[in-house]
């Protein structure tokens, strides 16, 4: 099941930014994350099994379309961008790095904490709630850090390649100042 904290964060972020950017796909990500947030809330608040099943099924569908929506949103941003190459590379690097960071932190940090402290979380409800919130915040921070870092690396890579390709067309010779041979000999003779 999704973490309601991270899903709520991404729901709000994508709806607000999608509206500002006029990116319906990003707004779709926000709606999908809202449904996943509702699923997390329903798991504790809803008593009706049929209603839980409907919400859970909707959330599973939303999870399945989440990354495709993220990629379509990136494609949309690339198409409407003035610099399509840089935007496309930046968006691809951002999503790839984000996904990698999420998987690494989930596997090596979050799962280890849950494994090593499972008995504490079962024994103390407050500790379990605090961990639930922390886990959501850790995941959101990891995701955003990966996205931002990947985007910057992608953009910097394009800039670096363009800088090199611009220099290919320029003379590679270092221009030397003109030297009057008489001045050189005078300097040598005066020493």
N, C-alpha and C. Protein backbone atom coordinates (compact mmCIF):
# COMPACT_ATOMS: atom_id res chain seq x y z
N UNK A 1 0.83 -1.18 0.00
CA UNK A 1 0.00 0.00 0.00
C UNK A 1 0.88 1.25 0.00
N UNK A 2 0.38 2.29 -0.62
CA UNK A 2 1.11 3.55 -0.73
C UNK A 2 1.22 4.23 0.63
N UNK A 3 2.24 5.06 0.75
CA UNK A 3 2.39 5.88 1.95
C UNK A 3 1.59 7.17 1.72
N UNK A 4 0.62 7.41 2.58
CA UNK A 4 -0.25 8.57 2.42
C UNK A 4 0.48 9.90 2.49
N UNK A 5 1.56 9.97 3.24
CA UNK A 5 2.31 11.23 3.39
C UNK A 5 2.98 11.60 2.08
N UNK A 6 3.75 10.67 1.50
CA UNK A 6 4.45 10.99 0.25
C UNK A 6 3.45 11.18 -0.89
N UNK A 7 2.40 10.36 -0.92
CA UNK A 7 1.39 10.50 -1.97
C UNK A 7 0.68 11.85 -1.90
N UNK A 8 0.35 12.29 -0.68
CA UNK A 8 -0.31 13.59 -0.51
C UNK A 8 0.61 14.72 -0.96
N UNK A 9 1.90 14.62 -0.61
CA UNK A 9 2.87 15.63 -1.03
C UNK A 9 2.93 15.71 -2.55
N UNK A 10 3.06 14.56 -3.22
CA UNK A 10 3.15 14.55 -4.68
C UNK A 10 1.84 14.94 -5.34
N UNK A 11 0.72 14.61 -4.71
CA UNK A 11 -0.58 15.01 -5.25
C UNK A 11 -0.67 16.53 -5.30
N UNK A 12 -0.41 17.16 -4.17
CA UNK A 12 -0.49 18.63 -4.10
C UNK A 12 0.51 19.28 -5.05
N UNK A 13 1.73 18.81 -5.02
CA UNK A 13 2.80 19.39 -5.85
C UNK A 13 2.45 19.31 -7.34
N UNK A 14 1.99 18.15 -7.79
CA UNK A 14 1.70 17.97 -9.21
C UNK A 14 0.45 18.69 -9.66
N UNK A 15 -0.55 18.77 -8.81
CA UNK A 15 -1.76 19.51 -9.18
C UNK A 15 -1.44 21.00 -9.29
N UNK A 16 -0.74 21.54 -8.30
CA UNK A 16 -0.40 22.97 -8.33
C UNK A 16 0.51 23.28 -9.52
N UNK A 17 1.61 22.52 -9.68
CA UNK A 17 2.54 22.79 -10.77
C UNK A 17 1.94 22.49 -12.13
N UNK A 18 1.12 21.44 -12.22
CA UNK A 18 0.46 21.12 -13.48
C UNK A 18 -0.47 22.23 -13.92
N UNK A 19 -1.18 22.82 -12.97
CA UNK A 19 -2.08 23.94 -13.28
C UNK A 19 -1.28 25.15 -13.72
N UNK A 20 -0.21 25.47 -13.01
CA UNK A 20 0.64 26.62 -13.38
C UNK A 20 1.25 26.44 -14.77
N UNK A 21 1.73 25.23 -15.05
CA UNK A 21 2.42 24.95 -16.31
C UNK A 21 1.47 24.60 -17.45
N UNK A 22 0.17 24.51 -17.14
CA UNK A 22 -0.83 24.07 -18.11
C UNK A 22 -0.45 22.71 -18.70
N UNK A 23 -0.07 21.80 -17.79
CA UNK A 23 0.35 20.45 -18.16
C UNK A 23 -0.67 19.47 -17.59
N UNK A 24 -1.60 19.03 -18.43
CA UNK A 24 -2.69 18.15 -17.99
C UNK A 24 -2.15 16.81 -17.50
N UNK A 25 -1.02 16.39 -18.03
CA UNK A 25 -0.45 15.10 -17.60
C UNK A 25 0.09 15.19 -16.17
N UNK A 26 0.69 16.32 -15.84
CA UNK A 26 1.17 16.52 -14.47
C UNK A 26 -0.02 16.61 -13.52
N UNK A 27 -1.10 17.24 -13.97
CA UNK A 27 -2.32 17.26 -13.16
C UNK A 27 -2.86 15.84 -12.98
N UNK A 28 -2.73 15.02 -14.02
CA UNK A 28 -3.14 13.61 -13.94
C UNK A 28 -2.34 12.84 -12.90
N UNK A 29 -1.03 13.16 -12.82
CA UNK A 29 -0.19 12.55 -11.79
C UNK A 29 -0.72 12.94 -10.42
N UNK A 30 -1.12 14.21 -10.28
CA UNK A 30 -1.68 14.69 -9.02
C UNK A 30 -2.97 13.97 -8.65
N UNK A 31 -3.82 13.73 -9.63
CA UNK A 31 -5.08 13.01 -9.38
C UNK A 31 -4.77 11.56 -8.98
N UNK A 32 -3.85 10.92 -9.70
CA UNK A 32 -3.47 9.54 -9.36
C UNK A 32 -2.92 9.46 -7.93
N UNK A 33 -2.10 10.43 -7.57
CA UNK A 33 -1.53 10.44 -6.22
C UNK A 33 -2.61 10.74 -5.18
N UNK A 34 -3.61 11.53 -5.55
CA UNK A 34 -4.72 11.81 -4.63
C UNK A 34 -5.50 10.52 -4.34
N UNK A 35 -5.74 9.72 -5.37
CA UNK A 35 -6.45 8.45 -5.19
C UNK A 35 -5.61 7.50 -4.34
N UNK A 36 -4.31 7.50 -4.54
CA UNK A 36 -3.44 6.66 -3.72
C UNK A 36 -3.43 7.14 -2.25
N UNK A 37 -3.52 8.46 -2.06
CA UNK A 37 -3.61 9.00 -0.70
C UNK A 37 -4.93 8.56 -0.05
N UNK A 38 -6.00 8.61 -0.84
CA UNK A 38 -7.30 8.17 -0.33
C UNK A 38 -7.26 6.70 0.06
N UNK A 39 -6.53 5.89 -0.70
CA UNK A 39 -6.40 4.47 -0.37
C UNK A 39 -5.70 4.29 0.97
N UNK A 40 -4.64 5.05 1.19
CA UNK A 40 -3.92 4.96 2.46
C UNK A 40 -4.83 5.36 3.62
N UNK A 41 -5.61 6.41 3.42
CA UNK A 41 -6.53 6.86 4.48
C UNK A 41 -7.65 5.85 4.69
N UNK A 42 -8.15 5.28 3.59
CA UNK A 42 -9.26 4.33 3.68
C UNK A 42 -8.86 3.05 4.40
N UNK A 43 -7.59 2.70 4.32
CA UNK A 43 -7.14 1.46 4.97
C UNK A 43 -7.32 1.51 6.48
N UNK A 44 -7.32 2.73 7.04
CA UNK A 44 -7.53 2.86 8.49
C UNK A 44 -8.90 3.44 8.85
N UNK A 45 -9.48 4.22 7.95
CA UNK A 45 -10.69 4.94 8.31
C UNK A 45 -11.99 4.29 7.81
N UNK A 46 -11.92 3.55 6.72
CA UNK A 46 -13.15 2.99 6.13
C UNK A 46 -13.38 1.59 6.66
N UNK A 47 -14.60 1.36 7.13
CA UNK A 47 -14.96 0.04 7.68
C UNK A 47 -15.58 -0.88 6.63
N UNK A 48 -16.16 -0.29 5.58
CA UNK A 48 -16.87 -1.07 4.56
C UNK A 48 -15.86 -1.79 3.66
N UNK A 49 -15.90 -3.11 3.68
CA UNK A 49 -14.98 -3.91 2.85
C UNK A 49 -15.18 -3.67 1.35
N UNK A 50 -16.43 -3.59 0.86
CA UNK A 50 -16.60 -3.33 -0.58
C UNK A 50 -16.04 -1.96 -1.00
N UNK A 51 -16.24 -0.95 -0.15
CA UNK A 51 -15.72 0.37 -0.47
C UNK A 51 -14.18 0.37 -0.46
N UNK A 52 -13.60 -0.31 0.53
CA UNK A 52 -12.14 -0.43 0.59
C UNK A 52 -11.61 -1.10 -0.67
N UNK A 53 -12.33 -2.11 -1.14
CA UNK A 53 -11.91 -2.85 -2.33
C UNK A 53 -11.92 -1.95 -3.56
N UNK A 54 -12.95 -1.13 -3.69
CA UNK A 54 -13.05 -0.21 -4.83
C UNK A 54 -11.91 0.81 -4.79
N UNK A 55 -11.68 1.39 -3.63
CA UNK A 55 -10.61 2.38 -3.48
C UNK A 55 -9.25 1.74 -3.73
N UNK A 56 -9.05 0.55 -3.17
CA UNK A 56 -7.78 -0.16 -3.34
C UNK A 56 -7.53 -0.50 -4.81
N UNK A 57 -8.57 -0.95 -5.50
CA UNK A 57 -8.45 -1.27 -6.93
C UNK A 57 -8.11 -0.04 -7.75
N UNK A 58 -8.75 1.08 -7.42
CA UNK A 58 -8.46 2.35 -8.11
C UNK A 58 -7.02 2.78 -7.86
N UNK A 59 -6.57 2.61 -6.63
CA UNK A 59 -5.20 2.99 -6.27
C UNK A 59 -4.18 2.12 -7.00
N UNK A 60 -4.46 0.83 -7.13
CA UNK A 60 -3.55 -0.06 -7.87
C UNK A 60 -3.45 0.36 -9.33
N UNK A 61 -4.60 0.72 -9.92
CA UNK A 61 -4.60 1.21 -11.30
C UNK A 61 -3.78 2.49 -11.40
N UNK A 62 -3.97 3.39 -10.45
CA UNK A 62 -3.23 4.66 -10.46
C UNK A 62 -1.73 4.43 -10.31
N UNK A 63 -1.36 3.47 -9.51
CA UNK A 63 0.07 3.15 -9.36
C UNK A 63 0.63 2.64 -10.68
N UNK A 64 -0.16 1.83 -11.39
CA UNK A 64 0.30 1.27 -12.66
C UNK A 64 0.50 2.34 -13.74
N UNK A 65 -0.31 3.39 -13.68
CA UNK A 65 -0.18 4.43 -14.72
C UNK A 65 0.70 5.60 -14.28
N UNK A 66 1.20 5.57 -13.06
CA UNK A 66 1.95 6.70 -12.52
C UNK A 66 3.20 7.03 -13.34
N UNK A 67 4.08 6.05 -13.52
CA UNK A 67 5.31 6.33 -14.27
C UNK A 67 5.05 6.61 -15.75
N UNK A 68 4.11 5.93 -16.40
CA UNK A 68 3.78 6.34 -17.77
C UNK A 68 3.31 7.80 -17.83
N UNK A 69 2.52 8.24 -16.85
CA UNK A 69 2.09 9.65 -16.82
C UNK A 69 3.29 10.58 -16.61
N UNK A 70 4.22 10.17 -15.78
CA UNK A 70 5.42 10.99 -15.55
C UNK A 70 6.20 11.14 -16.86
N UNK A 71 6.36 10.03 -17.60
CA UNK A 71 7.09 10.10 -18.87
C UNK A 71 6.33 10.92 -19.91
N UNK A 72 5.00 10.80 -19.97
CA UNK A 72 4.22 11.58 -20.93
C UNK A 72 4.28 13.05 -20.57
N UNK A 73 4.27 13.36 -19.28
CA UNK A 73 4.42 14.74 -18.83
C UNK A 73 5.77 15.31 -19.26
N UNK A 74 6.82 14.51 -19.14
CA UNK A 74 8.16 14.93 -19.57
C UNK A 74 8.19 15.15 -21.07
N UNK A 75 7.56 14.27 -21.82
CA UNK A 75 7.48 14.42 -23.28
C UNK A 75 6.73 15.69 -23.64
N UNK A 76 5.64 15.95 -22.94
CA UNK A 76 4.86 17.17 -23.17
C UNK A 76 5.71 18.41 -22.90
N UNK A 77 6.46 18.41 -21.80
CA UNK A 77 7.35 19.53 -21.49
C UNK A 77 8.40 19.71 -22.57
N UNK A 78 8.91 18.60 -23.09
CA UNK A 78 9.94 18.66 -24.13
C UNK A 78 9.37 19.24 -25.42
N UNK A 79 8.19 18.79 -25.80
CA UNK A 79 7.57 19.26 -27.04
C UNK A 79 7.30 20.76 -26.99
N UNK A 80 6.85 21.26 -25.85
CA UNK A 80 6.51 22.68 -25.77
C UNK A 80 7.72 23.57 -25.45
N UNK A 81 8.87 22.97 -25.22
CA UNK A 81 10.08 23.72 -24.87
C UNK A 81 10.72 24.34 -26.11
N UNK A 82 11.38 25.47 -25.92
CA UNK A 82 12.15 26.08 -27.01
C UNK A 82 13.40 25.27 -27.28
N UNK A 83 14.03 24.76 -26.23
CA UNK A 83 15.24 23.95 -26.36
C UNK A 83 14.87 22.48 -26.10
N UNK A 84 14.38 21.83 -27.13
CA UNK A 84 13.86 20.48 -27.00
C UNK A 84 14.93 19.46 -26.61
N UNK A 85 16.13 19.62 -27.13
CA UNK A 85 17.20 18.67 -26.81
C UNK A 85 17.54 18.75 -25.33
N UNK A 86 17.81 19.96 -24.85
CA UNK A 86 18.20 20.12 -23.45
C UNK A 86 17.07 19.70 -22.52
N UNK A 87 15.84 20.08 -22.84
CA UNK A 87 14.70 19.71 -22.00
C UNK A 87 14.51 18.20 -21.99
N UNK A 88 14.59 17.57 -23.16
CA UNK A 88 14.42 16.13 -23.24
C UNK A 88 15.47 15.37 -22.46
N UNK A 89 16.73 15.79 -22.60
CA UNK A 89 17.81 15.13 -21.86
C UNK A 89 17.65 15.38 -20.36
N UNK A 90 17.34 16.61 -19.98
CA UNK A 90 17.16 16.94 -18.56
C UNK A 90 16.01 16.15 -17.95
N UNK A 91 14.90 16.07 -18.66
CA UNK A 91 13.74 15.35 -18.14
C UNK A 91 14.04 13.85 -18.02
N UNK A 92 14.69 13.28 -19.02
CA UNK A 92 15.03 11.85 -18.97
C UNK A 92 15.99 11.54 -17.84
N UNK A 93 17.02 12.37 -17.71
CA UNK A 93 17.99 12.17 -16.62
C UNK A 93 17.31 12.34 -15.27
N UNK A 94 16.41 13.31 -15.17
CA UNK A 94 15.71 13.57 -13.91
C UNK A 94 14.86 12.37 -13.49
N UNK A 95 14.09 11.84 -14.42
CA UNK A 95 13.21 10.71 -14.10
C UNK A 95 14.02 9.46 -13.80
N UNK A 96 15.04 9.22 -14.58
CA UNK A 96 15.89 8.04 -14.34
C UNK A 96 16.58 8.10 -13.00
N UNK A 97 17.12 9.26 -12.67
CA UNK A 97 17.81 9.41 -11.38
C UNK A 97 16.82 9.34 -10.23
N UNK A 98 15.67 9.95 -10.40
CA UNK A 98 14.62 9.90 -9.38
C UNK A 98 14.24 8.45 -9.08
N UNK A 99 13.97 7.70 -10.12
CA UNK A 99 13.56 6.30 -9.97
C UNK A 99 14.66 5.50 -9.27
N UNK A 100 15.90 5.71 -9.70
CA UNK A 100 17.04 4.99 -9.11
C UNK A 100 17.19 5.33 -7.63
N UNK A 101 17.13 6.61 -7.29
CA UNK A 101 17.23 7.03 -5.89
C UNK A 101 16.11 6.41 -5.06
N UNK A 102 14.88 6.46 -5.59
CA UNK A 102 13.74 5.90 -4.86
C UNK A 102 13.96 4.41 -4.55
N UNK A 103 14.37 3.67 -5.56
CA UNK A 103 14.57 2.22 -5.37
C UNK A 103 15.71 1.93 -4.40
N UNK A 104 16.82 2.66 -4.52
CA UNK A 104 17.96 2.42 -3.64
C UNK A 104 17.64 2.76 -2.18
N UNK A 105 17.00 3.89 -1.96
CA UNK A 105 16.67 4.29 -0.58
C UNK A 105 15.61 3.36 0.00
N UNK A 106 14.64 2.96 -0.82
CA UNK A 106 13.62 2.03 -0.32
C UNK A 106 14.27 0.71 0.09
N UNK A 107 15.13 0.19 -0.77
CA UNK A 107 15.74 -1.12 -0.50
C UNK A 107 16.77 -1.09 0.62
N UNK A 108 17.61 -0.06 0.62
CA UNK A 108 18.75 -0.06 1.55
C UNK A 108 18.54 0.76 2.83
N UNK A 109 17.57 1.63 2.84
CA UNK A 109 17.34 2.44 4.04
C UNK A 109 15.99 2.09 4.67
N UNK A 110 14.93 2.33 3.94
CA UNK A 110 13.59 2.15 4.50
C UNK A 110 13.33 0.70 4.92
N UNK A 111 13.61 -0.24 4.03
CA UNK A 111 13.36 -1.64 4.37
C UNK A 111 14.25 -2.12 5.52
N UNK A 112 15.48 -1.63 5.58
CA UNK A 112 16.36 -2.01 6.70
C UNK A 112 15.84 -1.47 8.02
N UNK A 113 15.37 -0.23 8.02
CA UNK A 113 14.82 0.34 9.25
C UNK A 113 13.60 -0.46 9.68
N UNK A 114 12.72 -0.76 8.74
CA UNK A 114 11.51 -1.51 9.09
C UNK A 114 11.85 -2.92 9.59
N UNK A 115 12.84 -3.54 8.98
CA UNK A 115 13.25 -4.88 9.40
C UNK A 115 13.86 -4.86 10.80
N UNK A 116 14.73 -3.88 11.05
CA UNK A 116 15.44 -3.81 12.33
C UNK A 116 14.60 -3.29 13.48
N UNK A 117 13.52 -2.61 13.17
CA UNK A 117 12.70 -2.00 14.23
C UNK A 117 11.24 -2.46 14.20
N UNK A 118 10.98 -3.56 13.52
CA UNK A 118 9.61 -4.06 13.39
C UNK A 118 8.94 -4.29 14.74
N UNK A 119 9.67 -4.85 15.68
CA UNK A 119 9.08 -5.13 16.99
C UNK A 119 8.71 -3.83 17.72
N UNK A 120 9.55 -2.80 17.57
CA UNK A 120 9.26 -1.50 18.20
C UNK A 120 8.01 -0.88 17.59
N UNK A 121 7.88 -0.98 16.27
CA UNK A 121 6.71 -0.40 15.60
C UNK A 121 5.44 -1.13 15.98
N UNK A 122 5.52 -2.44 16.18
CA UNK A 122 4.34 -3.21 16.60
C UNK A 122 3.97 -2.91 18.05
N UNK A 123 4.97 -2.72 18.89
CA UNK A 123 4.74 -2.52 20.33
C UNK A 123 4.26 -1.12 20.67
N UNK A 124 4.66 -0.13 19.90
CA UNK A 124 4.35 1.26 20.25
C UNK A 124 3.66 1.95 19.07
N UNK A 125 2.40 2.26 19.24
CA UNK A 125 1.62 2.86 18.16
C UNK A 125 2.14 4.25 17.77
N UNK A 126 2.58 5.03 18.77
CA UNK A 126 3.11 6.37 18.47
C UNK A 126 4.38 6.27 17.63
N UNK A 127 5.24 5.33 17.98
CA UNK A 127 6.47 5.13 17.22
C UNK A 127 6.14 4.70 15.80
N UNK A 128 5.15 3.84 15.65
CA UNK A 128 4.72 3.38 14.32
C UNK A 128 4.20 4.54 13.48
N UNK A 129 3.42 5.42 14.10
CA UNK A 129 2.87 6.58 13.38
C UNK A 129 4.00 7.54 12.98
N UNK A 130 4.90 7.79 13.92
CA UNK A 130 6.03 8.67 13.61
C UNK A 130 6.88 8.09 12.47
N UNK A 131 7.10 6.79 12.49
CA UNK A 131 7.87 6.16 11.42
C UNK A 131 7.13 6.26 10.09
N UNK A 132 5.81 6.08 10.11
CA UNK A 132 5.00 6.19 8.89
C UNK A 132 5.19 7.58 8.26
N UNK A 133 5.12 8.60 9.10
CA UNK A 133 5.30 9.97 8.61
C UNK A 133 6.73 10.17 8.11
N UNK A 134 7.70 9.72 8.90
CA UNK A 134 9.11 9.86 8.50
C UNK A 134 9.40 9.12 7.21
N UNK A 135 8.84 7.93 7.07
CA UNK A 135 9.06 7.14 5.85
C UNK A 135 8.53 7.89 4.63
N UNK A 136 7.37 8.50 4.76
CA UNK A 136 6.81 9.28 3.65
C UNK A 136 7.67 10.49 3.31
N UNK A 137 8.15 11.17 4.34
CA UNK A 137 9.01 12.33 4.12
C UNK A 137 10.36 11.93 3.52
N UNK A 138 10.91 10.82 3.99
CA UNK A 138 12.18 10.32 3.44
C UNK A 138 12.01 10.01 1.96
N UNK A 139 10.92 9.33 1.62
CA UNK A 139 10.67 8.95 0.24
C UNK A 139 10.50 10.19 -0.64
N UNK A 140 9.70 11.15 -0.17
CA UNK A 140 9.47 12.38 -0.95
C UNK A 140 10.78 13.15 -1.14
N UNK A 141 11.57 13.28 -0.08
CA UNK A 141 12.84 13.99 -0.18
C UNK A 141 13.80 13.28 -1.13
N UNK A 142 13.84 11.96 -1.05
CA UNK A 142 14.70 11.17 -1.93
C UNK A 142 14.29 11.36 -3.38
N UNK A 143 13.01 11.28 -3.63
CA UNK A 143 12.49 11.42 -4.98
C UNK A 143 12.82 12.79 -5.56
N UNK A 144 12.56 13.83 -4.77
CA UNK A 144 12.82 15.20 -5.25
C UNK A 144 14.32 15.45 -5.45
N UNK A 145 15.14 14.92 -4.55
CA UNK A 145 16.59 15.07 -4.68
C UNK A 145 17.08 14.39 -5.95
N UNK A 146 16.63 13.17 -6.19
CA UNK A 146 17.02 12.45 -7.40
C UNK A 146 16.59 13.18 -8.64
N UNK A 147 15.36 13.68 -8.66
CA UNK A 147 14.84 14.40 -9.82
C UNK A 147 15.66 15.67 -10.09
N UNK A 148 15.89 16.44 -9.05
CA UNK A 148 16.62 17.70 -9.20
C UNK A 148 18.06 17.45 -9.65
N UNK A 149 18.72 16.51 -9.01
CA UNK A 149 20.09 16.18 -9.37
C UNK A 149 20.19 15.68 -10.81
N UNK A 150 19.31 14.77 -11.18
CA UNK A 150 19.31 14.24 -12.55
C UNK A 150 19.05 15.32 -13.58
N UNK A 151 18.13 16.22 -13.28
CA UNK A 151 17.82 17.32 -14.20
C UNK A 151 19.04 18.22 -14.40
N UNK A 152 19.72 18.53 -13.30
CA UNK A 152 20.90 19.40 -13.40
C UNK A 152 22.03 18.71 -14.16
N UNK A 153 22.24 17.43 -13.90
CA UNK A 153 23.28 16.68 -14.61
C UNK A 153 22.96 16.60 -16.10
N UNK A 154 21.70 16.32 -16.42
CA UNK A 154 21.29 16.26 -17.82
C UNK A 154 21.50 17.58 -18.54
N UNK A 155 21.06 18.67 -17.91
CA UNK A 155 21.23 19.99 -18.52
C UNK A 155 22.69 20.37 -18.66
N UNK A 156 23.48 20.09 -17.63
CA UNK A 156 24.92 20.42 -17.68
C UNK A 156 25.63 19.59 -18.75
N UNK A 157 25.21 18.35 -18.93
CA UNK A 157 25.81 17.50 -19.96
C UNK A 157 25.56 18.07 -21.35
N UNK A 158 24.33 18.51 -21.59
CA UNK A 158 24.02 19.11 -22.90
C UNK A 158 24.84 20.37 -23.09
N UNK A 159 24.93 21.21 -22.05
CA UNK A 159 25.73 22.43 -22.16
C UNK A 159 27.19 22.11 -22.44
N UNK A 160 27.72 21.09 -21.76
CA UNK A 160 29.13 20.71 -21.96
C UNK A 160 29.37 20.20 -23.38
N UNK A 161 28.47 19.38 -23.87
CA UNK A 161 28.62 18.85 -25.24
C UNK A 161 28.50 19.98 -26.25
N UNK A 162 27.57 20.87 -26.02
CA UNK A 162 27.42 22.01 -26.94
C UNK A 162 28.65 22.90 -26.91
N UNK A 163 29.23 23.07 -25.74
CA UNK A 163 30.44 23.87 -25.62
C UNK A 163 31.58 23.27 -26.41
N UNK A 164 31.71 21.95 -26.37
CA UNK A 164 32.75 21.26 -27.13
C UNK A 164 32.46 21.33 -28.62
N UNK A 165 31.21 21.14 -29.01
CA UNK A 165 30.90 21.15 -30.44
C UNK A 165 31.04 22.55 -31.02
N UNK A 166 30.78 23.59 -30.21
CA UNK A 166 30.99 24.96 -30.69
C UNK A 166 32.46 25.21 -30.96
N UNK A 167 33.33 24.64 -30.12
CA UNK A 167 34.77 24.84 -30.29
C UNK A 167 35.33 24.07 -31.47
N UNK A 168 34.65 23.04 -31.96
CA UNK A 168 35.14 22.27 -33.10
C UNK A 168 35.24 23.14 -34.35
N UNK A 169 34.34 24.10 -34.45
CA UNK A 169 34.30 24.94 -35.64
C UNK A 169 35.26 26.12 -35.57
N UNK A 170 35.86 26.33 -34.43
CA UNK A 170 36.78 27.45 -34.26
C UNK A 170 38.21 26.98 -34.48
N UNK A 171 39.08 27.93 -34.78
CA UNK A 171 40.50 27.59 -34.93
C UNK A 171 41.02 27.05 -33.62
N UNK A 172 41.80 26.01 -33.70
CA UNK A 172 42.37 25.44 -32.48
C UNK A 172 43.76 25.99 -32.22
N UNK A 173 44.23 26.85 -33.10
CA UNK A 173 45.54 27.45 -32.90
C UNK A 173 45.45 28.61 -31.93
N UNK A 174 46.43 28.73 -31.09
CA UNK A 174 46.51 29.87 -30.19
C UNK A 174 47.20 30.97 -30.95
N UNK A 175 46.53 32.10 -31.08
CA UNK A 175 47.18 33.18 -31.85
C UNK A 175 48.28 33.81 -30.99
N UNK A 176 49.41 33.95 -31.60
CA UNK A 176 50.57 34.52 -30.92
C UNK A 176 50.71 35.97 -31.33
N UNK A 177 51.13 36.79 -30.41
CA UNK A 177 51.34 38.19 -30.79
C UNK A 177 52.51 38.29 -31.78
N UNK A 178 52.42 39.27 -32.65
CA UNK A 178 53.51 39.48 -33.61
C UNK A 178 54.73 40.00 -32.85
N UNK A 179 55.85 39.42 -33.19
CA UNK A 179 57.09 39.80 -32.52
C UNK A 179 58.04 40.37 -33.55
N UNK A 180 58.55 41.50 -33.23
CA UNK A 180 59.57 42.11 -34.10
C UNK A 180 60.91 41.46 -33.77
N UNK A 181 61.54 40.81 -34.76
CA UNK A 181 62.78 40.09 -34.53
C UNK A 181 63.89 41.00 -34.02
N UNK A 182 63.88 42.22 -34.45
CA UNK A 182 64.92 43.16 -34.00
C UNK A 182 64.82 43.38 -32.50
N UNK A 183 63.57 43.45 -31.95
CA UNK A 183 63.38 43.63 -30.51
C UNK A 183 63.90 42.43 -29.73
N UNK A 184 63.72 41.25 -30.28
CA UNK A 184 64.17 40.03 -29.61
C UNK A 184 65.68 40.04 -29.52
N UNK A 185 66.37 40.37 -30.64
CA UNK A 185 67.83 40.38 -30.66
C UNK A 185 68.37 41.48 -29.75
N UNK A 186 67.72 42.63 -29.75
CA UNK A 186 68.17 43.71 -28.88
C UNK A 186 68.09 43.29 -27.41
N UNK A 187 67.03 42.58 -27.06
CA UNK A 187 66.85 42.14 -25.68
C UNK A 187 67.95 41.13 -25.32
N UNK A 188 68.26 40.23 -26.22
CA UNK A 188 69.30 39.23 -25.94
C UNK A 188 70.66 39.88 -25.81
N UNK A 189 70.96 40.83 -26.70
CA UNK A 189 72.26 41.50 -26.68
C UNK A 189 72.44 42.38 -25.47
N UNK A 190 71.34 42.92 -24.96
CA UNK A 190 71.45 43.82 -23.82
C UNK A 190 71.70 43.07 -22.53
N UNK A 191 71.42 41.78 -22.50
CA UNK A 191 71.64 40.98 -21.29
C UNK A 191 73.03 40.67 -21.20
